[in-house]
């Protein structure tokens, strides 16, 4: 199963088309940390992370992981061994906090971009997450919650995402 992001407003799975938003500066094959661009290419997806204190575990074939208070995703170029990895939050290390006050990360799926052997500075923290207004992201892909929940029912553990 492949998710297609054909343009900055459309995510498609089989015959289902969902409105989405992507990076503020569009998409690119030459992603850099902080460029606010969504990486182009075909990538595997990771597990579903969710806020158990706010949401019920959804119906999905993906492995579901509860977001804890101390969970972050490292985006700090000074720490190559932790870069673009789930990690315990440490004050001295730059990170994207997964347990947020807003609801963007009540559900999120990391996209395995720059993932297996991350190259520092080529981008981190690329997720499929929630939006309530379709404002452009910092490089992620965002959907309304109702569409995200439908997407979760369609996904398989070996699903991929193709970003044009």
Protein backbone atom coordinates (compact mmCIF):
# COMPACT_ATOMS: atom_id res chain seq x y z
CA UNK A 1 0.00 0.00 0.00
CA UNK A 2 1.36 3.42 -0.95
CA UNK A 3 0.22 6.85 0.20
CA UNK A 4 0.64 9.47 -2.53
CA UNK A 5 1.18 13.16 -1.82
CA UNK A 6 0.69 14.46 -5.35
CA UNK A 7 0.75 18.17 -4.58
CA UNK A 8 0.73 20.48 -1.56
CA UNK A 9 -2.99 19.96 -0.94
CA UNK A 10 -3.77 16.32 -1.78
CA UNK A 11 -2.92 13.03 -0.12
CA UNK A 12 -4.31 9.90 -1.82
CA UNK A 13 -4.64 6.29 -0.68
CA UNK A 14 -6.37 3.98 -3.15
CA UNK A 15 -9.51 5.89 -4.20
CA UNK A 16 -9.53 8.05 -1.08
CA UNK A 17 -8.35 11.65 -1.52
CA UNK A 18 -7.72 13.81 1.52
CA UNK A 19 -6.95 17.50 1.80
CA UNK A 20 -3.54 17.98 3.44
CA UNK A 21 -0.81 20.55 3.89
CA UNK A 22 2.95 20.22 3.50
CA UNK A 23 6.03 22.34 4.17
CA UNK A 24 5.72 26.12 3.94
CA UNK A 25 8.38 26.21 1.19
CA UNK A 26 7.00 23.28 -0.83
CA UNK A 27 8.81 20.00 -1.48
CA UNK A 28 12.39 19.24 -2.48
CA UNK A 29 14.85 16.46 -3.33
CA UNK A 30 17.58 18.45 -1.52
CA UNK A 31 16.19 18.68 2.03
CA UNK A 32 18.13 20.63 4.67
CA UNK A 33 17.42 20.99 8.39
CA UNK A 34 15.16 23.98 9.00
CA UNK A 35 14.33 24.72 5.33
CA UNK A 36 10.56 24.25 5.90
CA UNK A 37 10.39 21.90 2.90
CA UNK A 38 8.86 18.44 2.64
CA UNK A 39 11.26 15.82 1.23
CA UNK A 40 10.40 14.32 -2.17
CA UNK A 41 10.74 10.59 -2.69
CA UNK A 42 9.33 7.25 -1.57
CA UNK A 43 9.75 6.37 2.09
CA UNK A 44 8.62 3.74 4.55
CA UNK A 45 6.56 4.86 7.51
CA UNK A 46 7.15 4.10 11.16
CA UNK A 47 4.79 3.36 14.07
CA UNK A 48 1.82 5.40 15.22
CA UNK A 49 2.52 7.56 18.26
CA UNK A 50 -0.53 8.81 20.14
CA UNK A 51 -1.64 10.75 23.22
CA UNK A 52 -3.42 8.15 25.33
CA UNK A 53 -4.44 10.87 27.79
CA UNK A 54 -6.42 12.59 24.99
CA UNK A 55 -7.28 9.90 22.44
CA UNK A 56 -8.34 6.27 22.40
CA UNK A 57 -6.03 3.86 20.66
CA UNK A 58 -7.29 3.95 17.07
CA UNK A 59 -8.08 1.06 14.77
CA UNK A 60 -4.89 0.40 12.77
CA UNK A 61 -2.47 -2.35 11.81
CA UNK A 62 0.45 -0.10 12.76
CA UNK A 63 2.20 -0.63 16.08
CA UNK A 64 0.80 1.98 18.52
CA UNK A 65 3.09 3.74 20.99
CA UNK A 66 1.84 6.01 23.75
CA UNK A 67 3.53 9.43 23.81
CA UNK A 68 5.12 9.97 27.22
CA UNK A 69 6.05 13.30 28.83
CA UNK A 70 9.79 12.83 28.24
CA UNK A 71 9.62 11.81 24.55
CA UNK A 72 11.30 13.94 21.92
CA UNK A 73 12.70 13.58 18.41
CA UNK A 74 16.26 14.87 18.08
CA UNK A 75 16.84 17.62 15.50
CA UNK A 76 20.15 18.83 16.95
CA UNK A 77 23.00 18.67 14.40
CA UNK A 78 25.54 18.71 17.28
CA UNK A 79 24.51 15.17 18.27
CA UNK A 80 24.96 12.89 15.24
CA UNK A 81 24.26 9.66 17.18
CA UNK A 82 20.84 10.93 18.29
CA UNK A 83 19.97 12.97 15.17
CA UNK A 84 16.55 12.14 13.67
CA UNK A 85 15.82 9.57 16.38
CA UNK A 86 13.22 9.16 19.08
CA UNK A 87 14.95 10.10 22.31
CA UNK A 88 14.41 11.01 25.92
CA UNK A 89 14.27 14.79 26.21
CA UNK A 90 17.50 16.33 27.48
CA UNK A 91 17.64 20.09 28.01
CA UNK A 92 21.03 20.49 26.30
CA UNK A 93 19.97 18.63 23.13
CA UNK A 94 17.67 20.23 20.56
CA UNK A 95 14.52 18.23 19.94
CA UNK A 96 10.94 18.27 18.77
CA UNK A 97 8.79 17.63 21.85
CA UNK A 98 6.19 14.96 21.08
CA UNK A 99 3.86 15.74 24.00
CA UNK A 100 2.64 19.19 22.99
CA UNK A 101 0.06 21.58 24.42
CA UNK A 102 -1.61 21.94 21.02
CA UNK A 103 -3.17 18.89 19.39
CA UNK A 104 -0.89 18.52 16.32
CA UNK A 105 0.84 15.46 17.74
CA UNK A 106 -2.15 13.75 19.37
CA UNK A 107 -1.52 11.30 16.51
CA UNK A 108 1.69 11.19 14.49
CA UNK A 109 3.52 8.79 12.20
CA UNK A 110 7.22 9.40 11.52
CA UNK A 111 8.18 9.18 7.85
CA UNK A 112 11.42 7.22 7.43
CA UNK A 113 13.17 10.02 5.59
CA UNK A 114 16.93 10.27 6.40
CA UNK A 115 16.23 7.50 8.86
CA UNK A 116 18.36 4.34 8.83
CA UNK A 117 21.76 6.07 8.74
CA UNK A 118 20.79 9.73 9.19
CA UNK A 119 23.00 12.33 7.56
CA UNK A 120 23.22 15.23 10.00
CA UNK A 121 21.72 18.42 8.57
CA UNK A 122 19.65 16.75 5.85
CA UNK A 123 16.40 17.01 7.80
CA UNK A 124 14.71 15.38 10.75
CA UNK A 125 11.32 15.07 12.44
CA UNK A 126 9.32 14.50 9.25
CA UNK A 127 5.90 13.30 10.40
CA UNK A 128 2.36 12.78 9.25
CA UNK A 129 0.41 14.63 11.95
CA UNK A 130 -2.78 16.55 12.64
CA UNK A 131 -3.89 20.03 11.60
CA UNK A 132 -6.99 22.05 12.29
CA UNK A 133 -6.39 24.82 9.75
CA UNK A 134 -4.20 23.47 6.90
CA UNK A 135 -1.51 26.08 7.54
CA UNK A 136 1.79 25.01 5.94
CA UNK A 137 4.09 22.95 8.17
CA UNK A 138 7.83 23.02 8.84
CA UNK A 139 8.22 20.04 6.45
CA UNK A 140 5.67 17.51 7.70
CA UNK A 141 2.41 16.41 6.11
CA UNK A 142 -0.72 17.26 8.10
CA UNK A 143 -4.34 16.12 7.89
CA UNK A 144 -7.57 16.79 9.75
CA UNK A 145 -8.18 14.22 12.50
CA UNK A 146 -11.17 12.57 10.78
CA UNK A 147 -9.06 11.97 7.65
CA UNK A 148 -6.07 10.79 9.70
CA UNK A 149 -8.28 8.17 11.39
CA UNK A 150 -9.50 6.91 8.00
CA UNK A 151 -5.89 6.79 6.78
CA UNK A 152 -4.93 4.68 9.81
CA UNK A 153 -7.54 2.07 8.91
CA UNK A 154 -6.13 1.80 5.38
CA UNK A 155 -2.45 1.51 6.29
CA UNK A 156 -0.49 -1.72 6.58
CA UNK A 157 2.79 -2.26 8.43
CA UNK A 158 4.74 -2.20 5.15
CA UNK A 159 2.97 0.88 3.71
CA UNK A 160 5.05 3.55 2.04
CA UNK A 161 4.55 7.21 1.25
CA UNK A 162 5.49 8.74 -2.11
CA UNK A 163 5.89 12.53 -2.06
CA UNK A 164 6.00 14.36 -5.40
